[in-house]
């Protein structure tokens, strides 16, 4: 990953990203609107939700184990 000082530039988007996401761009207003998400984006979102669910279940099991211990 290359990191550099962009100065006044807020973001750089390459052609492969633009082609994949195909955002609606209003050049006059300087706005980019995401109209849809490509399949890889939905897959990543689903994977993130699944990871959160697994962590939640693991946390609940840990709490149950602590509660079930006799002091």
PDB file of N, CA and C in Angstrom:
ATOM      1  N   UNK A   1       0.851  -1.176   0.000  1.00  0.00           N
ATOM      2  CA  UNK A   1       0.000   0.000   0.000  1.00  0.00           C
ATOM      3  C   UNK A   1       0.889   1.229   0.000  1.00  0.00           C
ATOM      4  N   UNK A   2       0.633   2.129  -0.900  1.00  0.00           N
ATOM      5  CA  UNK A   2       1.373   3.381  -0.945  1.00  0.00           C
ATOM      6  C   UNK A   2       0.621   4.442  -0.172  1.00  0.00           C
ATOM      7  N   UNK A   3       1.343   5.154   0.651  1.00  0.00           N
ATOM      8  CA  UNK A   3       0.751   6.238   1.428  1.00  0.00           C
ATOM      9  C   UNK A   3       1.492   7.509   1.074  1.00  0.00           C
ATOM     10  N   UNK A   4       0.720   8.543   0.778  1.00  0.00           N
ATOM     11  CA  UNK A   4       1.364   9.808   0.419  1.00  0.00           C
ATOM     12  C   UNK A   4       0.495  10.967   0.887  1.00  0.00           C
ATOM     13  N   UNK A   5       1.102  12.132   0.924  1.00  0.00           N
ATOM     14  CA  UNK A   5       0.381  13.343   1.267  1.00  0.00           C
ATOM     15  C   UNK A   5      -0.428  13.776   0.049  1.00  0.00           C
ATOM     16  N   UNK A   6      -1.739  13.834   0.194  1.00  0.00           N
ATOM     17  CA  UNK A   6      -2.605  14.210  -0.923  1.00  0.00           C
ATOM     18  C   UNK A   6      -2.796  15.715  -1.022  1.00  0.00           C
ATOM     19  N   UNK A   7      -2.280  16.449  -0.069  1.00  0.00           N
ATOM     20  CA  UNK A   7      -2.459  17.900  -0.091  1.00  0.00           C
ATOM     21  C   UNK A   7      -3.931  18.252   0.045  1.00  0.00           C
ATOM     22  N   UNK A   8      -4.452  19.022  -0.894  1.00  0.00           N
ATOM     23  CA  UNK A   8      -5.860  19.433  -0.847  1.00  0.00           C
ATOM     24  C   UNK A   8      -6.803  18.376  -1.412  1.00  0.00           C
ATOM     25  N   UNK A   9      -6.246  17.334  -2.035  1.00  0.00           N
ATOM     26  CA  UNK A   9      -7.067  16.275  -2.619  1.00  0.00           C
ATOM     27  C   UNK A   9      -7.625  15.400  -1.504  1.00  0.00           C
ATOM     28  N   UNK A  10      -8.924  15.164  -1.517  1.00  0.00           N
ATOM     29  CA  UNK A  10      -9.563  14.396  -0.449  1.00  0.00           C
ATOM     30  C   UNK A  10      -9.531  12.896  -0.695  1.00  0.00           C
ATOM     31  N   UNK A  11      -9.572  12.493  -1.957  1.00  0.00           N
ATOM     32  CA  UNK A  11      -9.603  11.062  -2.259  1.00  0.00           C
ATOM     33  C   UNK A  11      -9.175  10.836  -3.712  1.00  0.00           C
ATOM     34  N   UNK A  12      -8.584   9.684  -3.934  1.00  0.00           N
ATOM     35  CA  UNK A  12      -8.232   9.282  -5.299  1.00  0.00           C
ATOM     36  C   UNK A  12      -8.922   7.956  -5.580  1.00  0.00           C
ATOM     37  N   UNK A  13      -9.684   7.899  -6.669  1.00  0.00           N
ATOM     38  CA  UNK A  13     -10.367   6.670  -7.061  1.00  0.00           C
ATOM     39  C   UNK A  13      -9.776   6.196  -8.382  1.00  0.00           C
ATOM     40  N   UNK A  14      -9.435   4.904  -8.463  1.00  0.00           N
ATOM     41  CA  UNK A  14      -8.874   4.418  -9.719  1.00  0.00           C
ATOM     42  C   UNK A  14      -9.981   3.875 -10.621  1.00  0.00           C
ATOM     43  N   UNK A  15      -9.638   3.651 -11.867  1.00  0.00           N
ATOM     44  CA  UNK A  15     -10.623   3.220 -12.859  1.00  0.00           C
ATOM     45  C   UNK A  15     -11.240   1.860 -12.530  1.00  0.00           C
ATOM     46  N   UNK A  16     -10.451   0.949 -11.959  1.00  0.00           N
ATOM     47  CA  UNK A  16     -11.020  -0.368 -11.631  1.00  0.00           C
ATOM     48  C   UNK A  16     -12.100  -0.237 -10.553  1.00  0.00           C
ATOM     49  N   UNK A  17     -11.890   0.653  -9.571  1.00  0.00           N
ATOM     50  CA  UNK A  17     -12.901   0.876  -8.533  1.00  0.00           C
ATOM     51  C   UNK A  17     -14.145   1.512  -9.147  1.00  0.00           C
ATOM     52  N   UNK A  18     -13.933   2.532  -9.967  1.00  0.00           N
ATOM     53  CA  UNK A  18     -15.063   3.208 -10.615  1.00  0.00           C
ATOM     54  C   UNK A  18     -15.862   2.239 -11.479  1.00  0.00           C
ATOM     55  N   UNK A  19     -15.167   1.357 -12.200  1.00  0.00           N
ATOM     56  CA  UNK A  19     -15.860   0.381 -13.047  1.00  0.00           C
ATOM     57  C   UNK A  19     -16.640  -0.625 -12.208  1.00  0.00           C
ATOM     58  N   UNK A  20     -16.068  -1.058 -11.088  1.00  0.00           N
ATOM     59  CA  UNK A  20     -16.728  -2.061 -10.243  1.00  0.00           C
ATOM     60  C   UNK A  20     -17.953  -1.493  -9.537  1.00  0.00           C
ATOM     61  N   UNK A  21     -17.836  -0.279  -8.990  1.00  0.00           N
ATOM     62  CA  UNK A  21     -18.920   0.303  -8.199  1.00  0.00           C
ATOM     63  C   UNK A  21     -19.838   1.195  -9.010  1.00  0.00           C
ATOM     64  N   UNK A  22     -19.344   1.727 -10.117  1.00  0.00           N
ATOM     65  CA  UNK A  22     -20.129   2.552 -11.030  1.00  0.00           C
ATOM     66  C   UNK A  22     -21.015   3.562 -10.290  1.00  0.00           C
ATOM     67  N   UNK A  23     -20.402   4.445  -9.493  1.00  0.00           N
ATOM     68  CA  UNK A  23     -21.210   5.405  -8.739  1.00  0.00           C
ATOM     69  C   UNK A  23     -21.800   6.491  -9.638  1.00  0.00           C
ATOM     70  N   UNK A  24     -22.833   7.131  -9.131  1.00  0.00           N
ATOM     71  CA  UNK A  24     -23.412   8.282  -9.819  1.00  0.00           C
ATOM     72  C   UNK A  24     -22.610   9.491  -9.368  1.00  0.00           C
ATOM     73  N   UNK A  25     -21.982  10.188 -10.305  1.00  0.00           N
ATOM     74  CA  UNK A  25     -21.116  11.318  -9.960  1.00  0.00           C
ATOM     75  C   UNK A  25     -21.733  12.613 -10.478  1.00  0.00           C
ATOM     76  N   UNK A  26     -21.898  13.579  -9.560  1.00  0.00           N
ATOM     77  CA  UNK A  26     -22.360  14.910  -9.936  1.00  0.00           C
ATOM     78  C   UNK A  26     -21.135  15.819  -9.857  1.00  0.00           C
ATOM     79  N   UNK A  27     -20.529  16.069 -10.990  1.00  0.00           N
ATOM     80  CA  UNK A  27     -19.295  16.837 -11.036  1.00  0.00           C
ATOM     81  C   UNK A  27     -19.503  18.287 -10.605  1.00  0.00           C
ATOM     82  N   UNK A  28     -20.654  18.864 -10.915  1.00  0.00           N
ATOM     83  CA  UNK A  28     -20.910  20.263 -10.555  1.00  0.00           C
ATOM     84  C   UNK A  28     -21.003  20.447  -9.046  1.00  0.00           C
ATOM     85  N   UNK A  29     -21.642  19.489  -8.362  1.00  0.00           N
ATOM     86  CA  UNK A  29     -21.810  19.586  -6.903  1.00  0.00           C
ATOM     87  C   UNK A  29     -20.683  18.893  -6.140  1.00  0.00           C
ATOM     88  N   UNK A  30     -19.851  18.150  -6.847  1.00  0.00           N
ATOM     89  CA  UNK A  30     -18.767  17.426  -6.184  1.00  0.00           C
ATOM     90  C   UNK A  30     -19.277  16.299  -5.310  1.00  0.00           C
ATOM     91  N   UNK A  31     -20.332  15.632  -5.750  1.00  0.00           N
ATOM     92  CA  UNK A  31     -20.963  14.557  -4.972  1.00  0.00           C
ATOM     93  C   UNK A  31     -20.842  13.220  -5.685  1.00  0.00           C
ATOM     94  N   UNK A  32     -20.623  12.166  -4.905  1.00  0.00           N
ATOM     95  CA  UNK A  32     -20.589  10.798  -5.416  1.00  0.00           C
ATOM     96  C   UNK A  32     -21.671  10.026  -4.686  1.00  0.00           C
ATOM     97  N   UNK A  33     -22.596   9.423  -5.423  1.00  0.00           N
ATOM     98  CA  UNK A  33     -23.707   8.693  -4.821  1.00  0.00           C
ATOM     99  C   UNK A  33     -23.607   7.219  -5.201  1.00  0.00           C
ATOM    100  N   UNK A  34     -23.598   6.364  -4.198  1.00  0.00           N
ATOM    101  CA  UNK A  34     -23.521   4.924  -4.436  1.00  0.00           C
ATOM    102  C   UNK A  34     -24.935   4.404  -4.660  1.00  0.00           C
ATOM    103  N   UNK A  35     -25.191   3.937  -5.865  1.00  0.00           N
ATOM    104  CA  UNK A  35     -26.523   3.461  -6.216  1.00  0.00           C
ATOM    105  C   UNK A  35     -26.701   1.971  -5.945  1.00  0.00           C
ATOM    106  N   UNK A  36     -25.619   1.222  -5.913  1.00  0.00           N
ATOM    107  CA  UNK A  36     -25.692  -0.218  -5.690  1.00  0.00           C
ATOM    108  C   UNK A  36     -24.330  -0.708  -5.218  1.00  0.00           C
ATOM    109  N   UNK A  37     -24.299  -1.926  -4.772  1.00  0.00           N
ATOM    110  CA  UNK A  37     -23.071  -2.533  -4.274  1.00  0.00           C
ATOM    111  C   UNK A  37     -22.790  -3.793  -5.088  1.00  0.00           C
ATOM    112  N   UNK A  38     -21.571  -3.948  -5.626  1.00  0.00           N
ATOM    113  CA  UNK A  38     -21.272  -5.153  -6.402  1.00  0.00           C
ATOM    114  C   UNK A  38     -21.277  -6.398  -5.511  1.00  0.00           C
ATOM    115  N   UNK A  39     -21.367  -7.573  -6.105  1.00  0.00           N
ATOM    116  CA  UNK A  39     -21.448  -8.825  -5.320  1.00  0.00           C
ATOM    117  C   UNK A  39     -20.354  -8.983  -4.281  1.00  0.00           C
ATOM    118  N   UNK A  40     -19.113  -8.596  -4.573  1.00  0.00           N
ATOM    119  CA  UNK A  40     -18.029  -8.752  -3.602  1.00  0.00           C
ATOM    120  C   UNK A  40     -18.287  -7.910  -2.355  1.00  0.00           C
ATOM    121  N   UNK A  41     -18.907  -6.775  -2.529  1.00  0.00           N
ATOM    122  CA  UNK A  41     -19.227  -5.896  -1.405  1.00  0.00           C
ATOM    123  C   UNK A  41     -20.258  -6.573  -0.496  1.00  0.00           C
ATOM    124  N   UNK A  42     -21.293  -7.143  -1.091  1.00  0.00           N
ATOM    125  CA  UNK A  42     -22.319  -7.835  -0.301  1.00  0.00           C
ATOM    126  C   UNK A  42     -21.720  -9.025   0.433  1.00  0.00           C
ATOM    127  N   UNK A  43     -20.798  -9.731  -0.222  1.00  0.00           N
ATOM    128  CA  UNK A  43     -20.154 -10.885   0.399  1.00  0.00           C
ATOM    129  C   UNK A  43     -19.354 -10.450   1.623  1.00  0.00           C
ATOM    130  N   UNK A  44     -18.603  -9.365   1.502  1.00  0.00           N
ATOM    131  CA  UNK A  44     -17.817  -8.852   2.628  1.00  0.00           C
ATOM    132  C   UNK A  44     -18.728  -8.428   3.774  1.00  0.00           C
ATOM    133  N   UNK A  45     -19.843  -7.797   3.446  1.00  0.00           N
ATOM    134  CA  UNK A  45     -20.781  -7.367   4.479  1.00  0.00           C
ATOM    135  C   UNK A  45     -21.337  -8.579   5.217  1.00  0.00           C
ATOM    136  N   UNK A  46     -21.694  -9.619   4.476  1.00  0.00           N
ATOM    137  CA  UNK A  46     -22.221 -10.840   5.079  1.00  0.00           C
ATOM    138  C   UNK A  46     -21.157 -11.492   5.967  1.00  0.00           C
ATOM    139  N   UNK A  47     -19.905 -11.543   5.496  1.00  0.00           N
ATOM    140  CA  UNK A  47     -18.823 -12.122   6.284  1.00  0.00           C
ATOM    141  C   UNK A  47     -18.620 -11.347   7.580  1.00  0.00           C
ATOM    142  N   UNK A  48     -18.704 -10.031   7.518  1.00  0.00           N
ATOM    143  CA  UNK A  48     -18.555  -9.189   8.704  1.00  0.00           C
ATOM    144  C   UNK A  48     -19.677  -9.468   9.694  1.00  0.00           C
ATOM    145  N   UNK A  49     -20.900  -9.582   9.209  1.00  0.00           N
ATOM    146  CA  UNK A  49     -22.034  -9.876  10.084  1.00  0.00           C
ATOM    147  C   UNK A  49     -21.880 -11.249  10.725  1.00  0.00           C
ATOM    148  N   UNK A  50     -21.399 -12.230   9.956  1.00  0.00           N
ATOM    149  CA  UNK A  50     -21.197 -13.572  10.489  1.00  0.00           C
ATOM    150  C   UNK A  50     -20.126 -13.568  11.578  1.00  0.00           C
ATOM    151  N   UNK A  51     -19.049 -12.827  11.372  1.00  0.00           N
ATOM    152  CA  UNK A  51     -17.985 -12.730  12.377  1.00  0.00           C
ATOM    153  C   UNK A  51     -18.514 -12.100  13.661  1.00  0.00           C
ATOM    154  N   UNK A  52     -19.341 -11.060  13.528  1.00  0.00           N
ATOM    155  CA  UNK A  52     -19.932 -10.415  14.705  1.00  0.00           C
ATOM    156  C   UNK A  52     -20.821 -11.396  15.459  1.00  0.00           C
ATOM    157  N   UNK A  53     -21.588 -12.201  14.729  1.00  0.00           N
ATOM    158  CA  UNK A  53     -22.476 -13.181  15.355  1.00  0.00           C
ATOM    159  C   UNK A  53     -21.661 -14.232  16.107  1.00  0.00           C
ATOM    160  N   UNK A  54     -20.555 -14.696  15.508  1.00  0.00           N
ATOM    161  CA  UNK A  54     -19.700 -15.691  16.160  1.00  0.00           C
ATOM    162  C   UNK A  54     -19.119 -15.103  17.444  1.00  0.00           C
ATOM    163  N   UNK A  55     -18.641 -13.863  17.400  1.00  0.00           N
ATOM    164  CA  UNK A  55     -18.092 -13.216  18.593  1.00  0.00           C
ATOM    165  C   UNK A  55     -19.149 -13.091  19.678  1.00  0.00           C
ATOM    166  N   UNK A  56     -20.374 -12.749  19.282  1.00  0.00           N
ATOM    167  CA  UNK A  56     -21.466 -12.604  20.248  1.00  0.00           C
ATOM    168  C   UNK A  56     -21.737 -13.946  20.927  1.00  0.00           C
ATOM    169  N   UNK A  57     -21.790 -15.018  20.147  1.00  0.00           N
ATOM    170  CA  UNK A  57     -22.048 -16.354  20.701  1.00  0.00           C
ATOM    171  C   UNK A  57     -20.913 -16.760  21.632  1.00  0.00           C
ATOM    172  N   UNK A  58     -19.658 -16.498  21.225  1.00  0.00           N
ATOM    173  CA  UNK A  58     -18.513 -16.832  22.070  1.00  0.00           C
ATOM    174  C   UNK A  58     -18.569 -16.062  23.386  1.00  0.00           C
ATOM    175  N   UNK A  59     -18.948 -14.813  23.334  1.00  0.00           N
ATOM    176  CA  UNK A  59     -19.055 -13.993  24.541  1.00  0.00           C
ATOM    177  C   UNK A  59     -20.146 -14.533  25.455  1.00  0.00           C
ATOM    178  N   UNK A  60     -21.292 -14.883  24.875  1.00  0.00           N
ATOM    179  CA  UNK A  60     -22.396 -15.434  25.670  1.00  0.00           C
ATOM    180  C   UNK A  60     -21.987 -16.740  26.336  1.00  0.00           C
ATOM    181  N   UNK A  61     -21.246 -17.596  25.617  1.00  0.00           N
ATOM    182  CA  UNK A  61     -20.782 -18.860  26.191  1.00  0.00           C
ATOM    183  C   UNK A  61     -19.807 -18.613  27.338  1.00  0.00           C
ATOM    184  N   UNK A  62     -18.924 -17.626  27.173  1.00  0.00           N
ATOM    185  CA  UNK A  62     -17.963 -17.294  28.224  1.00  0.00           C
ATOM    186  C   UNK A  62     -18.683 -16.797  29.471  1.00  0.00           C
ATOM    187  N   UNK A  63     -19.710 -15.994  29.284  1.00  0.00           N
ATOM    188  CA  UNK A  63     -20.489 -15.480  30.415  1.00  0.00           C
ATOM    189  C   UNK A  63     -21.209 -16.638  31.111  1.00  0.00           C
ATOM    190  N   UNK A  64     -21.823 -17.527  30.331  1.00  0.00           N
ATOM    191  CA  UNK A  64     -22.514 -18.684  30.897  1.00  0.00           C
ATOM    192  C   UNK A  64     -21.541 -19.543  31.706  1.00  0.00           C
ATOM    193  N   UNK A  65     -20.340 -19.715  31.190  1.00  0.00           N
ATOM    194  CA  UNK A  65     -19.347 -20.529  31.896  1.00  0.00           C
ATOM    195  C   UNK A  65     -18.958 -19.875  33.215  1.00  0.00           C
ATOM    196  N   UNK A  66     -18.777 -18.564  33.204  1.00  0.00           N
ATOM    197  CA  UNK A  66     -18.446 -17.864  34.447  1.00  0.00           C
ATOM    198  C   UNK A  66     -19.579 -17.946  35.461  1.00  0.00           C
ATOM    199  N   UNK A  67     -20.798 -17.811  34.997  1.00  0.00           N
ATOM    200  CA  UNK A  67     -21.957 -17.851  35.887  1.00  0.00           C
ATOM    201  C   UNK A  67     -22.138 -19.254  36.469  1.00  0.00           C
ATOM    202  N   UNK A  68     -21.822 -20.279  35.702  1.00  0.00           N
ATOM    203  CA  UNK A  68     -22.050 -21.651  36.159  1.00  0.00           C
ATOM    204  C   UNK A  68     -20.977 -22.125  37.142  1.00  0.00           C
ATOM    205  N   UNK A  69     -19.862 -21.414  37.208  1.00  0.00           N
ATOM    206  CA  UNK A  69     -18.810 -21.805  38.153  1.00  0.00           C
ATOM    207  C   UNK A  69     -19.274 -21.558  39.578  1.00  0.00           C
ATOM    208  N   UNK A  70     -18.886 -22.474  40.451  1.00  0.00           N
ATOM    209  CA  UNK A  70     -19.221 -22.307  41.873  1.00  0.00           C
ATOM    210  C   UNK A  70     -17.992 -21.736  42.575  1.00  0.00           C
ATOM    211  N   UNK A  71     -18.229 -20.673  43.300  1.00  0.00           N
ATOM    212  CA  UNK A  71     -17.114 -20.025  44.004  1.00  0.00           C
ATOM    213  C   UNK A  71     -16.991 -20.557  45.383  1.00  0.00           C
TER     214      UNK A  71
END
